[in-house]
Amino acid sequence: MLIRSGDTVEVRTGNAKGTRAKVLQVLPEKNGRRRIVVEGVNRVYRHIRRSQKNPQGGRLSKEMPIDASNVLVVCTACGRPSRLGAKVAADGGKSRVCKKCGADLGAVRRPRATKRAGA
Protein backbone atom coordinates (compact mmCIF):
# COMPACT_ATOMS: atom_id res chain seq x y z
CA MET A 1 0.00 0.00 0.00
CA LEU A 2 1.40 3.39 -0.97
CA ILE A 3 -0.42 5.41 1.71
CA ARG A 4 1.86 6.29 4.62
CA SER A 5 1.36 7.60 8.14
CA GLY A 6 1.42 11.41 8.10
CA ASP A 7 0.00 11.76 4.55
CA THR A 8 -2.88 14.16 4.00
CA VAL A 9 -5.86 12.36 2.48
CA GLU A 10 -9.34 13.29 1.29
CA VAL A 11 -12.24 11.00 2.21
CA ARG A 12 -14.27 10.10 -0.89
CA THR A 13 -17.23 8.17 0.61
CA GLY A 14 -19.29 7.94 3.79
CA ASN A 15 -20.37 10.51 6.37
CA ALA A 16 -17.05 12.36 6.26
CA LYS A 17 -17.03 12.75 2.44
CA GLY A 18 -14.84 15.66 1.35
CA THR A 19 -12.91 15.85 4.62
CA ARG A 20 -9.16 16.42 4.34
CA ALA A 21 -7.17 15.09 7.27
CA LYS A 22 -3.91 13.44 8.30
CA VAL A 23 -3.38 9.67 8.39
CA LEU A 24 -2.62 8.65 11.98
CA GLN A 25 -1.98 4.95 11.46
CA VAL A 26 -1.76 2.40 8.65
CA LEU A 27 -2.90 -1.05 9.76
CA PRO A 28 -1.49 -4.24 8.27
CA GLU A 29 -3.61 -6.06 5.73
CA LYS A 30 -6.00 -8.51 7.41
CA ASN A 31 -8.45 -10.73 5.54
CA GLY A 32 -7.67 -8.86 2.31
CA ARG A 33 -8.72 -5.49 3.78
CA ARG A 34 -6.32 -2.54 3.87
CA ARG A 35 -7.36 -0.14 6.63
CA ILE A 36 -6.18 3.25 7.87
CA VAL A 37 -7.00 5.50 10.81
CA VAL A 38 -7.67 9.11 9.75
CA GLU A 39 -7.71 12.04 12.17
CA GLY A 40 -11.29 13.08 13.07
CA VAL A 41 -12.96 10.54 10.75
CA ASN A 42 -15.18 7.62 11.87
CA ARG A 43 -15.24 8.70 15.53
CA VAL A 44 -16.94 6.39 18.03
CA TYR A 45 -17.57 6.53 21.77
CA ARG A 46 -15.98 4.06 24.16
CA HIS A 47 -17.88 3.96 27.45
CA ILE A 48 -15.57 3.90 30.46
CA ARG A 49 -16.70 2.42 33.79
CA ARG A 50 -15.86 4.32 36.98
CA SER A 51 -12.64 3.14 38.63
CA GLN A 52 -9.86 4.47 40.86
CA LYS A 53 -7.90 5.41 37.75
CA ASN A 54 -10.92 7.14 36.18
CA PRO A 55 -13.22 8.17 39.08
CA GLN A 56 -15.78 9.96 36.93
CA GLY A 57 -16.19 7.38 34.15
CA GLY A 58 -17.89 8.63 31.01
CA ARG A 59 -17.38 8.41 27.27
CA LEU A 60 -14.06 8.49 25.44
CA SER A 61 -14.20 9.53 21.77
CA LYS A 62 -11.70 7.89 19.42
CA GLU A 63 -11.10 7.25 15.72
CA MET A 64 -11.72 3.83 14.21
CA PRO A 65 -10.17 2.48 10.98
CA ILE A 66 -11.72 3.00 7.54
CA ASP A 67 -10.98 1.15 4.33
CA ALA A 68 -8.02 2.56 2.39
CA SER A 69 -10.03 2.44 -0.85
CA ASN A 70 -12.31 5.21 0.51
CA VAL A 71 -9.56 7.86 0.50
CA LEU A 72 -7.27 9.58 -2.01
CA VAL A 73 -3.90 11.08 -1.14
CA VAL A 74 -3.70 14.86 -1.56
CA CYS A 75 -0.67 15.70 -3.70
CA THR A 76 1.72 18.17 -2.06
CA ALA A 77 2.68 19.69 -5.41
CA CYS A 78 -0.70 20.27 -7.12
CA GLY A 79 -2.93 20.19 -4.01
CA ARG A 80 -5.50 17.89 -5.62
CA PRO A 81 -6.61 14.44 -4.45
CA SER A 82 -4.96 11.86 -6.69
CA ARG A 83 -4.19 8.20 -7.05
CA LEU A 84 -0.59 7.15 -6.52
CA GLY A 85 1.73 5.24 -8.78
CA ALA A 86 5.16 3.75 -8.23
CA LYS A 87 8.19 4.66 -10.32
CA VAL A 88 11.45 2.70 -10.33
CA ALA A 89 14.62 4.74 -10.76
CA ALA A 90 17.72 3.60 -12.63
CA ASP A 91 19.55 2.87 -9.35
CA GLY A 92 16.79 0.48 -8.24
CA GLY A 93 15.04 2.86 -5.82
CA LYS A 94 11.26 3.07 -5.91
CA SER A 95 9.23 6.23 -5.24
CA ARG A 96 5.58 7.28 -5.03
CA VAL A 97 4.30 9.45 -7.90
CA CYS A 98 1.13 11.58 -8.27
CA LYS A 99 -0.95 10.27 -11.20
CA LYS A 100 -2.26 13.77 -12.08
CA CYS A 101 0.87 15.93 -12.12
CA GLY A 102 3.69 13.38 -11.96
CA ALA A 103 5.27 14.89 -8.82
CA ASP A 104 7.47 12.71 -6.63
CA LEU A 105 5.85 12.11 -3.20
CA GLY A 106 8.66 10.27 -1.41
CA ALA A 107 10.58 7.02 -1.46
CA VAL A 108 9.03 3.60 -1.03
CA ARG A 109 12.27 1.63 -1.24
CA ARG A 110 15.90 2.68 -1.01
CA PRO A 111 18.22 2.01 -3.94
CA ARG A 112 19.34 -1.60 -4.12
CA ALA A 113 22.92 -2.47 -3.34
CA THR A 114 25.01 -3.33 -6.37
CA LYS A 115 26.42 -6.82 -6.62
CA ARG A 116 30.16 -7.06 -6.19
CA ALA A 117 32.14 -8.74 -8.94
CA GLY A 118 33.52 -12.14 -8.01
CA ALA A 119 31.24 -12.62 -5.02
C-alpha atoms as a PDB file:
ATOM      1  CA  MET A   1       0.000   0.000   0.000  1.00  0.00           C
ATOM      2  CA  LEU A   2       1.400   3.395  -0.969  1.00  0.00           C
ATOM      3  CA  ILE A   3      -0.424   5.412   1.712  1.00  0.00           C
ATOM      4  CA  ARG A   4       1.862   6.286   4.617  1.00  0.00           C
ATOM      5  CA  SER A   5       1.359   7.604   8.137  1.00  0.00           C
ATOM      6  CA  GLY A   6       1.423  11.408   8.097  1.00  0.00           C
ATOM      7  CA  ASP A   7       0.001  11.756   4.553  1.00  0.00           C
ATOM      8  CA  THR A   8      -2.877  14.160   3.998  1.00  0.00           C
ATOM      9  CA  VAL A   9      -5.862  12.363   2.481  1.00  0.00           C
ATOM     10  CA  GLU A  10      -9.345  13.292   1.288  1.00  0.00           C
ATOM     11  CA  VAL A  11     -12.237  11.004   2.213  1.00  0.00           C
ATOM     12  CA  ARG A  12     -14.266  10.103  -0.890  1.00  0.00           C
ATOM     13  CA  THR A  13     -17.228   8.171   0.607  1.00  0.00           C
ATOM     14  CA  GLY A  14     -19.290   7.940   3.786  1.00  0.00           C
ATOM     15  CA  ASN A  15     -20.367  10.508   6.371  1.00  0.00           C
ATOM     16  CA  ALA A  16     -17.045  12.363   6.257  1.00  0.00           C
ATOM     17  CA  LYS A  17     -17.033  12.747   2.444  1.00  0.00           C
ATOM     18  CA  GLY A  18     -14.842  15.664   1.347  1.00  0.00           C
ATOM     19  CA  THR A  19     -12.906  15.848   4.620  1.00  0.00           C
ATOM     20  CA  ARG A  20      -9.158  16.417   4.339  1.00  0.00           C
ATOM     21  CA  ALA A  21      -7.174  15.086   7.272  1.00  0.00           C
ATOM     22  CA  LYS A  22      -3.908  13.438   8.301  1.00  0.00           C
ATOM     23  CA  VAL A  23      -3.376   9.665   8.393  1.00  0.00           C
ATOM     24  CA  LEU A  24      -2.615   8.654  11.983  1.00  0.00           C
ATOM     25  CA  GLN A  25      -1.975   4.950  11.459  1.00  0.00           C
ATOM     26  CA  VAL A  26      -1.764   2.404   8.646  1.00  0.00           C
ATOM     27  CA  LEU A  27      -2.904  -1.046   9.756  1.00  0.00           C
ATOM     28  CA  PRO A  28      -1.488  -4.242   8.270  1.00  0.00           C
ATOM     29  CA  GLU A  29      -3.610  -6.064   5.729  1.00  0.00           C
ATOM     30  CA  LYS A  30      -5.997  -8.513   7.409  1.00  0.00           C
ATOM     31  CA  ASN A  31      -8.451 -10.735   5.536  1.00  0.00           C
ATOM     32  CA  GLY A  32      -7.669  -8.858   2.314  1.00  0.00           C
ATOM     33  CA  ARG A  33      -8.724  -5.487   3.779  1.00  0.00           C
ATOM     34  CA  ARG A  34      -6.319  -2.542   3.867  1.00  0.00           C
ATOM     35  CA  ARG A  35      -7.364  -0.143   6.626  1.00  0.00           C
ATOM     36  CA  ILE A  36      -6.181   3.247   7.870  1.00  0.00           C
ATOM     37  CA  VAL A  37      -7.001   5.503  10.811  1.00  0.00           C
ATOM     38  CA  VAL A  38      -7.668   9.113   9.747  1.00  0.00           C
ATOM     39  CA  GLU A  39      -7.707  12.036  12.172  1.00  0.00           C
ATOM     40  CA  GLY A  40     -11.289  13.084  13.073  1.00  0.00           C
ATOM     41  CA  VAL A  41     -12.960  10.545  10.747  1.00  0.00           C
ATOM     42  CA  ASN A  42     -15.182   7.622  11.866  1.00  0.00           C
ATOM     43  CA  ARG A  43     -15.236   8.699  15.527  1.00  0.00           C
ATOM     44  CA  VAL A  44     -16.944   6.385  18.030  1.00  0.00           C
ATOM     45  CA  TYR A  45     -17.573   6.532  21.774  1.00  0.00           C
ATOM     46  CA  ARG A  46     -15.976   4.061  24.157  1.00  0.00           C
ATOM     47  CA  HIS A  47     -17.881   3.964  27.446  1.00  0.00           C
ATOM     48  CA  ILE A  48     -15.575   3.901  30.462  1.00  0.00           C
ATOM     49  CA  ARG A  49     -16.704   2.424  33.787  1.00  0.00           C
ATOM     50  CA  ARG A  50     -15.859   4.321  36.982  1.00  0.00           C
ATOM     51  CA  SER A  51     -12.637   3.144  38.634  1.00  0.00           C
ATOM     52  CA  GLN A  52      -9.864   4.473  40.855  1.00  0.00           C
ATOM     53  CA  LYS A  53      -7.904   5.410  37.753  1.00  0.00           C
ATOM     54  CA  ASN A  54     -10.917   7.143  36.179  1.00  0.00           C
ATOM     55  CA  PRO A  55     -13.223   8.167  39.079  1.00  0.00           C
ATOM     56  CA  GLN A  56     -15.778   9.958  36.926  1.00  0.00           C
ATOM     57  CA  GLY A  57     -16.189   7.384  34.155  1.00  0.00           C
ATOM     58  CA  GLY A  58     -17.894   8.626  31.010  1.00  0.00           C
ATOM     59  CA  ARG A  59     -17.382   8.409  27.269  1.00  0.00           C
ATOM     60  CA  LEU A  60     -14.055   8.488  25.442  1.00  0.00           C
ATOM     61  CA  SER A  61     -14.198   9.530  21.770  1.00  0.00           C
ATOM     62  CA  LYS A  62     -11.697   7.887  19.418  1.00  0.00           C
ATOM     63  CA  GLU A  63     -11.102   7.254  15.715  1.00  0.00           C
ATOM     64  CA  MET A  64     -11.721   3.828  14.207  1.00  0.00           C
ATOM     65  CA  PRO A  65     -10.172   2.481  10.983  1.00  0.00           C
ATOM     66  CA  ILE A  66     -11.715   3.001   7.544  1.00  0.00           C
ATOM     67  CA  ASP A  67     -10.979   1.149   4.329  1.00  0.00           C
ATOM     68  CA  ALA A  68      -8.024   2.558   2.392  1.00  0.00           C
ATOM     69  CA  SER A  69     -10.033   2.444  -0.848  1.00  0.00           C
ATOM     70  CA  ASN A  70     -12.306   5.207   0.506  1.00  0.00           C
ATOM     71  CA  VAL A  71      -9.558   7.860   0.501  1.00  0.00           C
ATOM     72  CA  LEU A  72      -7.273   9.577  -2.007  1.00  0.00           C
ATOM     73  CA  VAL A  73      -3.903  11.076  -1.141  1.00  0.00           C
ATOM     74  CA  VAL A  74      -3.702  14.860  -1.559  1.00  0.00           C
ATOM     75  CA  CYS A  75      -0.666  15.701  -3.703  1.00  0.00           C
ATOM     76  CA  THR A  76       1.724  18.166  -2.055  1.00  0.00           C
ATOM     77  CA  ALA A  77       2.677  19.693  -5.415  1.00  0.00           C
ATOM     78  CA  CYS A  78      -0.697  20.270  -7.123  1.00  0.00           C
ATOM     79  CA  GLY A  79      -2.932  20.194  -4.010  1.00  0.00           C
ATOM     80  CA  ARG A  80      -5.502  17.887  -5.619  1.00  0.00           C
ATOM     81  CA  PRO A  81      -6.608  14.437  -4.453  1.00  0.00           C
ATOM     82  CA  SER A  82      -4.963  11.864  -6.687  1.00  0.00           C
ATOM     83  CA  ARG A  83      -4.189   8.200  -7.055  1.00  0.00           C
ATOM     84  CA  LEU A  84      -0.594   7.146  -6.525  1.00  0.00           C
ATOM     85  CA  GLY A  85       1.733   5.235  -8.782  1.00  0.00           C
ATOM     86  CA  ALA A  86       5.164   3.748  -8.228  1.00  0.00           C
ATOM     87  CA  LYS A  87       8.193   4.662 -10.317  1.00  0.00           C
ATOM     88  CA  VAL A  88      11.452   2.696 -10.327  1.00  0.00           C
ATOM     89  CA  ALA A  89      14.624   4.742 -10.756  1.00  0.00           C
ATOM     90  CA  ALA A  90      17.719   3.601 -12.633  1.00  0.00           C
ATOM     91  CA  ASP A  91      19.549   2.871  -9.354  1.00  0.00           C
ATOM     92  CA  GLY A  92      16.786   0.476  -8.236  1.00  0.00           C
ATOM     93  CA  GLY A  93      15.038   2.863  -5.825  1.00  0.00           C
ATOM     94  CA  LYS A  94      11.256   3.066  -5.914  1.00  0.00           C
ATOM     95  CA  SER A  95       9.229   6.227  -5.235  1.00  0.00           C
ATOM     96  CA  ARG A  96       5.577   7.280  -5.034  1.00  0.00           C
ATOM     97  CA  VAL A  97       4.296   9.451  -7.902  1.00  0.00           C
ATOM     98  CA  CYS A  98       1.134  11.576  -8.269  1.00  0.00           C
ATOM     99  CA  LYS A  99      -0.952  10.268 -11.196  1.00  0.00           C
ATOM    100  CA  LYS A 100      -2.260  13.766 -12.082  1.00  0.00           C
ATOM    101  CA  CYS A 101       0.866  15.933 -12.123  1.00  0.00           C
ATOM    102  CA  GLY A 102       3.690  13.378 -11.962  1.00  0.00           C
ATOM    103  CA  ALA A 103       5.267  14.887  -8.823  1.00  0.00           C
ATOM    104  CA  ASP A 104       7.468  12.706  -6.625  1.00  0.00           C
ATOM    105  CA  LEU A 105       5.851  12.112  -3.205  1.00  0.00           C
ATOM    106  CA  GLY A 106       8.659  10.268  -1.410  1.00  0.00           C
ATOM    107  CA  ALA A 107      10.579   7.021  -1.461  1.00  0.00           C
ATOM    108  CA  VAL A 108       9.027   3.597  -1.027  1.00  0.00           C
ATOM    109  CA  ARG A 109      12.265   1.632  -1.238  1.00  0.00           C
ATOM    110  CA  ARG A 110      15.897   2.682  -1.006  1.00  0.00           C
ATOM    111  CA  PRO A 111      18.223   2.012  -3.944  1.00  0.00           C
ATOM    112  CA  ARG A 112      19.340  -1.599  -4.120  1.00  0.00           C
ATOM    113  CA  ALA A 113      22.922  -2.468  -3.344  1.00  0.00           C
ATOM    114  CA  THR A 114      25.005  -3.326  -6.373  1.00  0.00           C
ATOM    115  CA  LYS A 115      26.423  -6.817  -6.617  1.00  0.00           C
ATOM    116  CA  ARG A 116      30.158  -7.058  -6.191  1.00  0.00           C
ATOM    117  CA  ALA A 117      32.144  -8.736  -8.937  1.00  0.00           C
ATOM    118  CA  GLY A 118      33.522 -12.142  -8.015  1.00  0.00           C
ATOM    119  CA  ALA A 119      31.236 -12.624  -5.019  1.00  0.00           C
END
